[in-house]
Full PDB file with SEQRES, HELIX, SHEET, SSBOND, CRYST1, ORIGX, SCALE, CONECT and MASTER records, all heavy atoms in Angstrom:
SEQRES   1 A   36  TYR GLY LEU THR GLU LEU GLU ALA VAL ASN ILE LEU ASN          
SEQRES   2 A   36  GLY TRP HIS ILE PHE ASP TYR VAL ASN LYS TYR ASP CYS          
SEQRES   3 A   36  ILE LYS ASN LEU ILE PRO LEU ASN VAL SER                      
HELIX    1 AA1 GLU A    5  ASN A   13  1                                   9    
HELIX    2 AA2 ILE A   17  LYS A   28  1                                  12    
CRYST1    1.000    1.000    1.000  90.00  90.00  90.00 P 1           1          
ORIGX1      1.000000  0.000000  0.000000        0.00000                         
ORIGX2      0.000000  1.000000  0.000000        0.00000                         
ORIGX3      0.000000  0.000000  1.000000        0.00000                         
SCALE1      1.000000  0.000000  0.000000        0.00000                         
SCALE2      0.000000  1.000000  0.000000        0.00000                         
SCALE3      0.000000  0.000000  1.000000        0.00000                         
ATOM      1  N   TYR A   1      -6.588   1.729   8.181  1.00  0.00           N  
ATOM      2  CA  TYR A   1      -6.185   1.464   6.800  1.00  0.00           C  
ATOM      3  C   TYR A   1      -5.322   2.565   6.186  1.00  0.00           C  
ATOM      4  O   TYR A   1      -5.005   2.503   5.007  1.00  0.00           O  
ATOM      5  CB  TYR A   1      -7.422   1.198   5.927  1.00  0.00           C  
ATOM      6  CG  TYR A   1      -8.194   0.029   6.472  1.00  0.00           C  
ATOM      7  CD1 TYR A   1      -9.327   0.222   7.253  1.00  0.00           C  
ATOM      8  CD2 TYR A   1      -7.761  -1.270   6.253  1.00  0.00           C  
ATOM      9  CE1 TYR A   1     -10.015  -0.852   7.796  1.00  0.00           C  
ATOM     10  CE2 TYR A   1      -8.439  -2.350   6.789  1.00  0.00           C  
ATOM     11  CZ  TYR A   1      -9.566  -2.137   7.558  1.00  0.00           C  
ATOM     12  OH  TYR A   1     -10.233  -3.198   8.095  1.00  0.00           O  
ATOM     13  N   GLY A   2      -4.956   3.559   6.965  1.00  0.00           N  
ATOM     14  CA  GLY A   2      -4.041   4.591   6.482  1.00  0.00           C  
ATOM     15  C   GLY A   2      -4.614   5.505   5.419  1.00  0.00           C  
ATOM     16  O   GLY A   2      -3.869   6.052   4.608  1.00  0.00           O  
ATOM     17  N   LEU A   3      -5.925   5.684   5.401  1.00  0.00           N  
ATOM     18  CA  LEU A   3      -6.561   6.542   4.412  1.00  0.00           C  
ATOM     19  C   LEU A   3      -6.500   8.005   4.843  1.00  0.00           C  
ATOM     20  O   LEU A   3      -6.339   8.303   6.018  1.00  0.00           O  
ATOM     21  CB  LEU A   3      -8.034   6.157   4.234  1.00  0.00           C  
ATOM     22  CG  LEU A   3      -8.362   4.715   3.893  1.00  0.00           C  
ATOM     23  CD1 LEU A   3      -9.865   4.548   3.737  1.00  0.00           C  
ATOM     24  CD2 LEU A   3      -7.655   4.280   2.642  1.00  0.00           C  
ATOM     25  N   THR A   4      -6.686   8.893   3.875  1.00  0.00           N  
ATOM     26  CA  THR A   4      -6.851  10.307   4.216  1.00  0.00           C  
ATOM     27  C   THR A   4      -8.299  10.517   4.643  1.00  0.00           C  
ATOM     28  O   THR A   4      -9.165   9.665   4.391  1.00  0.00           O  
ATOM     29  CB  THR A   4      -6.546  11.210   3.003  1.00  0.00           C  
ATOM     30  OG1 THR A   4      -7.550  10.988   1.999  1.00  0.00           O  
ATOM     31  CG2 THR A   4      -5.155  10.957   2.443  1.00  0.00           C  
ATOM     32  N   GLU A   5      -8.562  11.658   5.247  1.00  0.00           N  
ATOM     33  CA  GLU A   5      -9.934  11.936   5.679  1.00  0.00           C  
ATOM     34  C   GLU A   5     -10.871  12.022   4.480  1.00  0.00           C  
ATOM     35  O   GLU A   5     -11.989  11.506   4.513  1.00  0.00           O  
ATOM     36  CB  GLU A   5     -10.001  13.229   6.496  1.00  0.00           C  
ATOM     37  CG  GLU A   5     -11.384  13.483   7.060  1.00  0.00           C  
ATOM     38  CD  GLU A   5     -11.450  14.666   8.001  1.00  0.00           C  
ATOM     39  OE1 GLU A   5     -10.539  15.522   7.970  1.00  0.00           O  
ATOM     40  OE2 GLU A   5     -12.430  14.748   8.764  1.00  0.00           O  
ATOM     41  N   LEU A   6     -10.429  12.644   3.408  1.00  0.00           N  
ATOM     42  CA  LEU A   6     -11.266  12.751   2.211  1.00  0.00           C  
ATOM     43  C   LEU A   6     -11.590  11.372   1.638  1.00  0.00           C  
ATOM     44  O   LEU A   6     -12.735  11.108   1.258  1.00  0.00           O  
ATOM     45  CB  LEU A   6     -10.574  13.611   1.147  1.00  0.00           C  
ATOM     46  CG  LEU A   6     -11.324  13.757  -0.173  1.00  0.00           C  
ATOM     47  CD1 LEU A   6     -12.677  14.437   0.052  1.00  0.00           C  
ATOM     48  CD2 LEU A   6     -10.488  14.539  -1.167  1.00  0.00           C  
ATOM     49  N   GLU A   7     -10.598  10.500   1.597  1.00  0.00           N  
ATOM     50  CA  GLU A   7     -10.837   9.142   1.105  1.00  0.00           C  
ATOM     51  C   GLU A   7     -11.854   8.426   1.989  1.00  0.00           C  
ATOM     52  O   GLU A   7     -12.771   7.757   1.492  1.00  0.00           O  
ATOM     53  CB  GLU A   7      -9.528   8.356   1.057  1.00  0.00           C  
ATOM     54  CG  GLU A   7      -8.565   8.833  -0.008  1.00  0.00           C  
ATOM     55  CD  GLU A   7      -7.172   8.250   0.113  1.00  0.00           C  
ATOM     56  OE1 GLU A   7      -6.800   7.745   1.198  1.00  0.00           O  
ATOM     57  OE2 GLU A   7      -6.434   8.296  -0.890  1.00  0.00           O  
ATOM     58  N   ALA A   8     -11.730   8.572   3.297  1.00  0.00           N  
ATOM     59  CA  ALA A   8     -12.668   7.938   4.223  1.00  0.00           C  
ATOM     60  C   ALA A   8     -14.084   8.469   4.022  1.00  0.00           C  
ATOM     61  O   ALA A   8     -15.044   7.691   3.954  1.00  0.00           O  
ATOM     62  CB  ALA A   8     -12.208   8.157   5.667  1.00  0.00           C  
ATOM     63  N   VAL A   9     -14.222   9.782   3.923  1.00  0.00           N  
ATOM     64  CA  VAL A   9     -15.546  10.391   3.705  1.00  0.00           C  
ATOM     65  C   VAL A   9     -16.155   9.878   2.404  1.00  0.00           C  
ATOM     66  O   VAL A   9     -17.335   9.497   2.360  1.00  0.00           O  
ATOM     67  CB  VAL A   9     -15.452  11.937   3.692  1.00  0.00           C  
ATOM     68  CG1 VAL A   9     -16.743  12.570   3.206  1.00  0.00           C  
ATOM     69  CG2 VAL A   9     -15.089  12.468   5.069  1.00  0.00           C  
ATOM     70  N   ASN A  10     -15.370   9.852   1.350  1.00  0.00           N  
ATOM     71  CA  ASN A  10     -15.876   9.386   0.058  1.00  0.00           C  
ATOM     72  C   ASN A  10     -16.282   7.923   0.097  1.00  0.00           C  
ATOM     73  O   ASN A  10     -17.319   7.544  -0.455  1.00  0.00           O  
ATOM     74  CB  ASN A  10     -14.836   9.623  -1.042  1.00  0.00           C  
ATOM     75  CG  ASN A  10     -14.772  11.073  -1.464  1.00  0.00           C  
ATOM     76  OD1 ASN A  10     -15.676  11.855  -1.218  1.00  0.00           O  
ATOM     77  ND2 ASN A  10     -13.680  11.438  -2.111  1.00  0.00           N  
ATOM     78  N   ILE A  11     -15.511   7.090   0.750  1.00  0.00           N  
ATOM     79  CA  ILE A  11     -15.862   5.672   0.859  1.00  0.00           C  
ATOM     80  C   ILE A  11     -17.168   5.511   1.633  1.00  0.00           C  
ATOM     81  O   ILE A  11     -18.047   4.749   1.238  1.00  0.00           O  
ATOM     82  CB  ILE A  11     -14.719   4.866   1.513  1.00  0.00           C  
ATOM     83  CG1 ILE A  11     -13.585   4.700   0.498  1.00  0.00           C  
ATOM     84  CG2 ILE A  11     -15.201   3.504   2.010  1.00  0.00           C  
ATOM     85  CD1 ILE A  11     -12.317   4.112   1.062  1.00  0.00           C  
ATOM     86  N   LEU A  12     -17.322   6.233   2.717  1.00  0.00           N  
ATOM     87  CA  LEU A  12     -18.554   6.136   3.506  1.00  0.00           C  
ATOM     88  C   LEU A  12     -19.767   6.587   2.703  1.00  0.00           C  
ATOM     89  O   LEU A  12     -20.874   6.090   2.910  1.00  0.00           O  
ATOM     90  CB  LEU A  12     -18.420   6.944   4.796  1.00  0.00           C  
ATOM     91  CG  LEU A  12     -17.370   6.414   5.778  1.00  0.00           C  
ATOM     92  CD1 LEU A  12     -17.218   7.356   6.964  1.00  0.00           C  
ATOM     93  CD2 LEU A  12     -17.698   5.007   6.237  1.00  0.00           C  
ATOM     94  N   ASN A  13     -19.563   7.505   1.774  1.00  0.00           N  
ATOM     95  CA  ASN A  13     -20.644   7.962   0.902  1.00  0.00           C  
ATOM     96  C   ASN A  13     -20.805   7.092  -0.343  1.00  0.00           C  
ATOM     97  O   ASN A  13     -21.707   7.316  -1.144  1.00  0.00           O  
ATOM     98  CB  ASN A  13     -20.401   9.413   0.479  1.00  0.00           C  
ATOM     99  CG  ASN A  13     -20.784  10.379   1.572  1.00  0.00           C  
ATOM    100  OD1 ASN A  13     -21.949  10.484   1.928  1.00  0.00           O  
ATOM    101  ND2 ASN A  13     -19.802  11.081   2.126  1.00  0.00           N  
ATOM    102  N   GLY A  14     -19.893   6.120  -0.520  1.00  0.00           N  
ATOM    103  CA  GLY A  14     -19.973   5.234  -1.669  1.00  0.00           C  
ATOM    104  C   GLY A  14     -19.371   5.821  -2.934  1.00  0.00           C  
ATOM    105  O   GLY A  14     -19.647   5.350  -4.037  1.00  0.00           O  
ATOM    106  N   TRP A  15     -18.548   6.830  -2.797  1.00  0.00           N  
ATOM    107  CA  TRP A  15     -17.955   7.506  -3.956  1.00  0.00           C  
ATOM    108  C   TRP A  15     -16.518   7.030  -4.177  1.00  0.00           C  
ATOM    109  O   TRP A  15     -15.735   6.954  -3.240  1.00  0.00           O  
ATOM    110  CB  TRP A  15     -17.940   9.017  -3.755  1.00  0.00           C  
ATOM    111  CG  TRP A  15     -19.278   9.640  -3.525  1.00  0.00           C  
ATOM    112  CD1 TRP A  15     -20.489   9.219  -3.994  1.00  0.00           C  
ATOM    113  CD2 TRP A  15     -19.551  10.804  -2.735  1.00  0.00           C  
ATOM    114  NE1 TRP A  15     -21.488  10.041  -3.559  1.00  0.00           N  
ATOM    115  CE2 TRP A  15     -20.946  11.037  -2.783  1.00  0.00           C  
ATOM    116  CE3 TRP A  15     -18.757  11.675  -2.000  1.00  0.00           C  
ATOM    117  CZ2 TRP A  15     -21.549  12.094  -2.138  1.00  0.00           C  
ATOM    118  CZ3 TRP A  15     -19.361  12.733  -1.349  1.00  0.00           C  
ATOM    119  CH2 TRP A  15     -20.745  12.935  -1.421  1.00  0.00           C  
ATOM    120  N   HIS A  16     -16.152   6.778  -5.405  1.00  0.00           N  
ATOM    121  CA  HIS A  16     -14.775   6.469  -5.830  1.00  0.00           C  
ATOM    122  C   HIS A  16     -14.165   5.253  -5.125  1.00  0.00           C  
ATOM    123  O   HIS A  16     -12.940   5.158  -5.007  1.00  0.00           O  
ATOM    124  CB  HIS A  16     -13.859   7.685  -5.630  1.00  0.00           C  
ATOM    125  CG  HIS A  16     -14.419   8.962  -6.135  1.00  0.00           C  
ATOM    126  ND1 HIS A  16     -14.651   9.194  -7.467  1.00  0.00           N  
ATOM    127  CD2 HIS A  16     -14.816  10.089  -5.483  1.00  0.00           C  
ATOM    128  CE1 HIS A  16     -15.153  10.405  -7.617  1.00  0.00           C  
ATOM    129  NE2 HIS A  16     -15.274  10.965  -6.442  1.00  0.00           N  
ATOM    130  N   ILE A  17     -14.991   4.342  -4.667  1.00  0.00           N  
ATOM    131  CA  ILE A  17     -14.487   3.197  -3.909  1.00  0.00           C  
ATOM    132  C   ILE A  17     -13.492   2.382  -4.731  1.00  0.00           C  
ATOM    133  O   ILE A  17     -12.409   2.051  -4.246  1.00  0.00           O  
ATOM    134  CB  ILE A  17     -15.644   2.317  -3.396  1.00  0.00           C  
ATOM    135  CG1 ILE A  17     -16.387   3.056  -2.276  1.00  0.00           C  
ATOM    136  CG2 ILE A  17     -15.134   0.968  -2.894  1.00  0.00           C  
ATOM    137  CD1 ILE A  17     -17.609   2.340  -1.749  1.00  0.00           C  
ATOM    138  N   PHE A  18     -13.832   2.085  -5.978  1.00  0.00           N  
ATOM    139  CA  PHE A  18     -12.923   1.290  -6.811  1.00  0.00           C  
ATOM    140  C   PHE A  18     -11.594   2.008  -7.019  1.00  0.00           C  
ATOM    141  O   PHE A  18     -10.543   1.382  -7.056  1.00  0.00           O  
ATOM    142  CB  PHE A  18     -13.560   0.955  -8.164  1.00  0.00           C  
ATOM    143  CG  PHE A  18     -14.696  -0.028  -8.058  1.00  0.00           C  
ATOM    144  CD1 PHE A  18     -15.991   0.379  -8.333  1.00  0.00           C  
ATOM    145  CD2 PHE A  18     -14.478  -1.341  -7.673  1.00  0.00           C  
ATOM    146  CE1 PHE A  18     -17.047  -0.510  -8.229  1.00  0.00           C  
ATOM    147  CE2 PHE A  18     -15.522  -2.237  -7.560  1.00  0.00           C  
ATOM    148  CZ  PHE A  18     -16.816  -1.823  -7.841  1.00  0.00           C  
ATOM    149  N   ASP A  19     -11.646   3.334  -7.158  1.00  0.00           N  
ATOM    150  CA  ASP A  19     -10.411   4.106  -7.341  1.00  0.00           C  
ATOM    151  C   ASP A  19      -9.496   3.984  -6.125  1.00  0.00           C  
ATOM    152  O   ASP A  19      -8.283   3.809  -6.268  1.00  0.00           O  
ATOM    153  CB  ASP A  19     -10.727   5.584  -7.592  1.00  0.00           C  
ATOM    154  CG  ASP A  19     -11.468   5.809  -8.895  1.00  0.00           C  
ATOM    155  OD1 ASP A  19     -11.287   4.999  -9.831  1.00  0.00           O  
ATOM    156  OD2 ASP A  19     -12.228   6.791  -8.982  1.00  0.00           O  
ATOM    157  N   TYR A  20     -10.072   4.091  -4.927  1.00  0.00           N  
ATOM    158  CA  TYR A  20      -9.255   4.017  -3.715  1.00  0.00           C  
ATOM    159  C   TYR A  20      -8.721   2.598  -3.484  1.00  0.00           C  
ATOM    160  O   TYR A  20      -7.568   2.433  -3.101  1.00  0.00           O  
ATOM    161  CB  TYR A  20     -10.045   4.487  -2.488  1.00  0.00           C  
ATOM    162  CG  TYR A  20     -10.426   5.942  -2.571  1.00  0.00           C  
ATOM    163  CD1 TYR A  20     -11.727   6.359  -2.341  1.00  0.00           C  
ATOM    164  CD2 TYR A  20      -9.483   6.914  -2.885  1.00  0.00           C  
ATOM    165  CE1 TYR A  20     -12.084   7.693  -2.416  1.00  0.00           C  
ATOM    166  CE2 TYR A  20      -9.829   8.251  -2.969  1.00  0.00           C  
ATOM    167  CZ  TYR A  20     -11.127   8.630  -2.732  1.00  0.00           C  
ATOM    168  OH  TYR A  20     -11.470   9.962  -2.810  1.00  0.00           O  
ATOM    169  N   VAL A  21      -9.552   1.609  -3.735  1.00  0.00           N  
ATOM    170  CA  VAL A  21      -9.090   0.221  -3.591  1.00  0.00           C  
ATOM    171  C   VAL A  21      -7.954  -0.035  -4.572  1.00  0.00           C  
ATOM    172  O   VAL A  21      -6.923  -0.614  -4.213  1.00  0.00           O  
ATOM    173  CB  VAL A  21     -10.250  -0.779  -3.793  1.00  0.00           C  
ATOM    174  CG1 VAL A  21      -9.731  -2.209  -3.897  1.00  0.00           C  
ATOM    175  CG2 VAL A  21     -11.267  -0.651  -2.658  1.00  0.00           C  
ATOM    176  N   ASN A  22      -8.110   0.430  -5.805  1.00  0.00           N  
ATOM    177  CA  ASN A  22      -7.062   0.271  -6.813  1.00  0.00           C  
ATOM    178  C   ASN A  22      -5.791   1.004  -6.398  1.00  0.00           C  
ATOM    179  O   ASN A  22      -4.685   0.465  -6.516  1.00  0.00           O  
ATOM    180  CB  ASN A  22      -7.549   0.774  -8.171  1.00  0.00           C  
ATOM    181  CG  ASN A  22      -6.520   0.572  -9.248  1.00  0.00           C  
ATOM    182  OD1 ASN A  22      -6.023  -0.528  -9.443  1.00  0.00           O  
ATOM    183  ND2 ASN A  22      -6.182   1.650  -9.940  1.00  0.00           N  
ATOM    184  N   LYS A  23      -5.932   2.226  -5.896  1.00  0.00           N  
ATOM    185  CA  LYS A  23      -4.771   3.010  -5.470  1.00  0.00           C  
ATOM    186  C   LYS A  23      -3.957   2.246  -4.418  1.00  0.00           C  
ATOM    187  O   LYS A  23      -2.739   2.092  -4.555  1.00  0.00           O  
ATOM    188  CB  LYS A  23      -5.230   4.348  -4.883  1.00  0.00           C  
ATOM    189  CG  LYS A  23      -4.118   5.142  -4.239  1.00  0.00           C  
ATOM    190  CD  LYS A  23      -4.649   6.353  -3.497  1.00  0.00           C  
ATOM    191  CE  LYS A  23      -3.560   7.010  -2.672  1.00  0.00           C  
ATOM    192  NZ  LYS A  23      -4.051   8.134  -1.883  1.00  0.00           N  
ATOM    193  N   TYR A  24      -4.634   1.771  -3.385  1.00  0.00           N  
ATOM    194  CA  TYR A  24      -3.914   1.096  -2.304  1.00  0.00           C  
ATOM    195  C   TYR A  24      -3.426  -0.295  -2.711  1.00  0.00           C  
ATOM    196  O   TYR A  24      -2.400  -0.758  -2.219  1.00  0.00           O  
ATOM    197  CB  TYR A  24      -4.746   1.079  -1.027  1.00  0.00           C  
ATOM    198  CG  TYR A  24      -4.767   2.448  -0.405  1.00  0.00           C  
ATOM    199  CD1 TYR A  24      -5.836   3.304  -0.574  1.00  0.00           C  
ATOM    200  CD2 TYR A  24      -3.658   2.919   0.297  1.00  0.00           C  
ATOM    201  CE1 TYR A  24      -5.823   4.588  -0.035  1.00  0.00           C  
ATOM    202  CE2 TYR A  24      -3.636   4.196   0.837  1.00  0.00           C  
ATOM    203  CZ  TYR A  24      -4.722   5.025   0.666  1.00  0.00           C  
ATOM    204  OH  TYR A  24      -4.691   6.290   1.190  1.00  0.00           O  
ATOM    205  N   ASP A  25      -4.121  -0.949  -3.638  1.00  0.00           N  
ATOM    206  CA  ASP A  25      -3.637  -2.222  -4.149  1.00  0.00           C  
ATOM    207  C   ASP A  25      -2.352  -2.013  -4.949  1.00  0.00           C  
ATOM    208  O   ASP A  25      -1.410  -2.799  -4.842  1.00  0.00           O  
ATOM    209  CB  ASP A  25      -4.705  -2.891  -5.011  1.00  0.00           C  
ATOM    210  CG  ASP A  25      -4.369  -4.325  -5.346  1.00  0.00           C  
ATOM    211  OD1 ASP A  25      -4.018  -5.089  -4.418  1.00  0.00           O  
ATOM    212  OD2 ASP A  25      -4.447  -4.690  -6.540  1.00  0.00           O  
ATOM    213  N   CYS A  26      -2.314  -0.940  -5.738  1.00  0.00           N  
ATOM    214  CA  CYS A  26      -1.094  -0.623  -6.497  1.00  0.00           C  
ATOM    215  C   CYS A  26       0.063  -0.285  -5.560  1.00  0.00           C  
ATOM    216  O   CYS A  26       1.194  -0.722  -5.785  1.00  0.00           O  
ATOM    217  CB  CYS A  26      -1.357   0.528  -7.461  1.00  0.00           C  
ATOM    218  SG  CYS A  26      -2.363   0.045  -8.880  1.00  0.00           S  
ATOM    219  N   ILE A  27      -0.209   0.473  -4.516  1.00  0.00           N  
ATOM    220  CA  ILE A  27       0.848   0.811  -3.555  1.00  0.00           C  
ATOM    221  C   ILE A  27       1.346  -0.456  -2.863  1.00  0.00           C  
ATOM    222  O   ILE A  27       2.547  -0.676  -2.736  1.00  0.00           O  
ATOM    223  CB  ILE A  27       0.357   1.848  -2.532  1.00  0.00           C  
ATOM    224  CG1 ILE A  27       0.111   3.197  -3.223  1.00  0.00           C  
ATOM    225  CG2 ILE A  27       1.345   1.998  -1.385  1.00  0.00           C  
ATOM    226  CD1 ILE A  27      -0.604   4.225  -2.358  1.00  0.00           C  
ATOM    227  N   LYS A  28       0.418  -1.300  -2.451  1.00  0.00           N  
ATOM    228  CA  LYS A  28       0.786  -2.551  -1.777  1.00  0.00           C  
ATOM    229  C   LYS A  28       1.677  -3.417  -2.669  1.00  0.00           C  
ATOM    230  O   LYS A  28       2.663  -3.988  -2.208  1.00  0.00           O  
ATOM    231  CB  LYS A  28      -0.490  -3.319  -1.408  1.00  0.00           C  
ATOM    232  CG  LYS A  28      -0.251  -4.690  -0.835  1.00  0.00           C  
ATOM    233  CD  LYS A  28      -1.581  -5.395  -0.610  1.00  0.00           C  
ATOM    234  CE  LYS A  28      -1.384  -6.818  -0.163  1.00  0.00           C  
ATOM    235  NZ  LYS A  28      -2.658  -7.529  -0.068  1.00  0.00           N  
ATOM    236  N   ASN A  29       1.337  -3.482  -3.961  1.00  0.00           N  
ATOM    237  CA  ASN A  29       2.053  -4.357  -4.892  1.00  0.00           C  
ATOM    238  C   ASN A  29       3.144  -3.625  -5.686  1.00  0.00           C  
ATOM    239  O   ASN A  29       3.669  -4.174  -6.652  1.00  0.00           O  
ATOM    240  CB  ASN A  29       1.056  -5.018  -5.844  1.00  0.00           C  
ATOM    241  CG  ASN A  29       0.152  -5.976  -5.108  1.00  0.00           C  
ATOM    242  OD1 ASN A  29       0.619  -6.908  -4.473  1.00  0.00           O  
ATOM    243  ND2 ASN A  29      -1.145  -5.714  -5.145  1.00  0.00           N  
ATOM    244  N   LEU A  30       3.459  -2.404  -5.251  1.00  0.00           N  
ATOM    245  CA  LEU A  30       4.529  -1.600  -5.864  1.00  0.00           C  
ATOM    246  C   LEU A  30       4.333  -1.390  -7.364  1.00  0.00           C  
ATOM    247  O   LEU A  30       5.274  -1.501  -8.158  1.00  0.00           O  
ATOM    248  CB  LEU A  30       5.894  -2.212  -5.582  1.00  0.00           C  
ATOM    249  CG  LEU A  30       6.272  -2.335  -4.107  1.00  0.00           C  
ATOM    250  CD1 LEU A  30       7.578  -3.102  -3.959  1.00  0.00           C  
ATOM    251  CD2 LEU A  30       6.375  -0.964  -3.458  1.00  0.00           C  
ATOM    252  N   ILE A  31       3.103  -1.075  -7.754  1.00  0.00           N  
ATOM    253  CA  ILE A  31       2.789  -0.801  -9.155  1.00  0.00           C  
ATOM    254  C   ILE A  31       2.706   0.716  -9.320  1.00  0.00           C  
ATOM    255  O   ILE A  31       1.826   1.356  -8.749  1.00  0.00           O  
ATOM    256  CB  ILE A  31       1.451  -1.448  -9.562  1.00  0.00           C  
ATOM    257  CG1 ILE A  31       1.521  -2.961  -9.360  1.00  0.00           C  
ATOM    258  CG2 ILE A  31       1.088  -1.071 -10.995  1.00  0.00           C  
ATOM    259  CD1 ILE A  31       0.189  -3.663  -9.475  1.00  0.00           C  
ATOM    260  N   PRO A  32       3.619   1.298 -10.084  1.00  0.00           N  
ATOM    261  CA  PRO A  32       3.602   2.761 -10.234  1.00  0.00           C  
ATOM    262  C   PRO A  32       2.382   3.237 -11.006  1.00  0.00           C  
ATOM    263  O   PRO A  32       1.893   2.563 -11.903  1.00  0.00           O  
ATOM    264  CB  PRO A  32       4.892   3.063 -10.996  1.00  0.00           C  
ATOM    265  CG  PRO A  32       5.383   1.785 -11.515  1.00  0.00           C  
ATOM    266  CD  PRO A  32       4.702   0.672 -10.800  1.00  0.00           C  
ATOM    267  N   LEU A  33       1.911   4.417 -10.626  1.00  0.00           N  
ATOM    268  CA  LEU A  33       0.741   5.022 -11.261  1.00  0.00           C  
ATOM    269  C   LEU A  33       1.121   6.317 -11.971  1.00  0.00           C  
ATOM    270  O   LEU A  33       2.179   6.891 -11.721  1.00  0.00           O  
ATOM    271  CB  LEU A  33      -0.316   5.348 -10.198  1.00  0.00           C  
ATOM    272  CG  LEU A  33      -0.893   4.179  -9.421  1.00  0.00           C  
ATOM    273  CD1 LEU A  33      -1.784   4.680  -8.304  1.00  0.00           C  
ATOM    274  CD2 LEU A  33      -1.674   3.275 -10.352  1.00  0.00           C  
ATOM    275  N   ASN A  34       0.231   6.775 -12.798  1.00  0.00           N  
ATOM    276  CA  ASN A  34       0.273   8.127 -13.360  1.00  0.00           C  
ATOM    277  C   ASN A  34       1.476   8.444 -14.226  1.00  0.00           C  
ATOM    278  O   ASN A  34       2.026   9.533 -14.151  1.00  0.00           O  
ATOM    279  CB  ASN A  34       0.165   9.170 -12.244  1.00  0.00           C  
ATOM    280  CG  ASN A  34      -1.093   9.000 -11.432  1.00  0.00           C  
ATOM    281  OD1 ASN A  34      -2.125   8.611 -11.962  1.00  0.00           O  
ATOM    282  ND2 ASN A  34      -1.018   9.280 -10.157  1.00  0.00           N  
ATOM    283  N   VAL A  35       1.893   7.514 -15.061  1.00  0.00           N  
ATOM    284  CA  VAL A  35       2.922   7.824 -16.045  1.00  0.00           C  
ATOM    285  C   VAL A  35       2.262   7.725 -17.419  1.00  0.00           C  
ATOM    286  O   VAL A  35       1.845   6.643 -17.823  1.00  0.00           O  
ATOM    287  CB  VAL A  35       4.121   6.862 -15.959  1.00  0.00           C  
ATOM    288  CG1 VAL A  35       5.116   7.153 -17.059  1.00  0.00           C  
ATOM    289  CG2 VAL A  35       4.787   6.975 -14.597  1.00  0.00           C  
ATOM    290  N   SER A  36       2.148   8.847 -18.085  1.00  0.00           N  
ATOM    291  CA  SER A  36       1.532   8.875 -19.404  1.00  0.00           C  
ATOM    292  C   SER A  36       2.581   9.215 -20.450  1.00  0.00           C  
ATOM    293  O   SER A  36       2.953  10.370 -20.626  1.00  0.00           O  
ATOM    294  CB  SER A  36       0.394   9.904 -19.446  1.00  0.00           C  
ATOM    295  OG  SER A  36      -0.062  10.065 -20.773  1.00  0.00           O  
TER     296      SER A  36                                                      
MASTER        0    0    0    2    0    0    0    6  295    1    0    3          
END                                                                             
């Protein structure tokens, strides 16, 4: 799935799962992030 090691470790521990799913969904659908 092209994750970083930290992302993989966190997912396996159940941490920040929604954040990572959202991140990769935005990348897949070309939705820019982090513009405030």
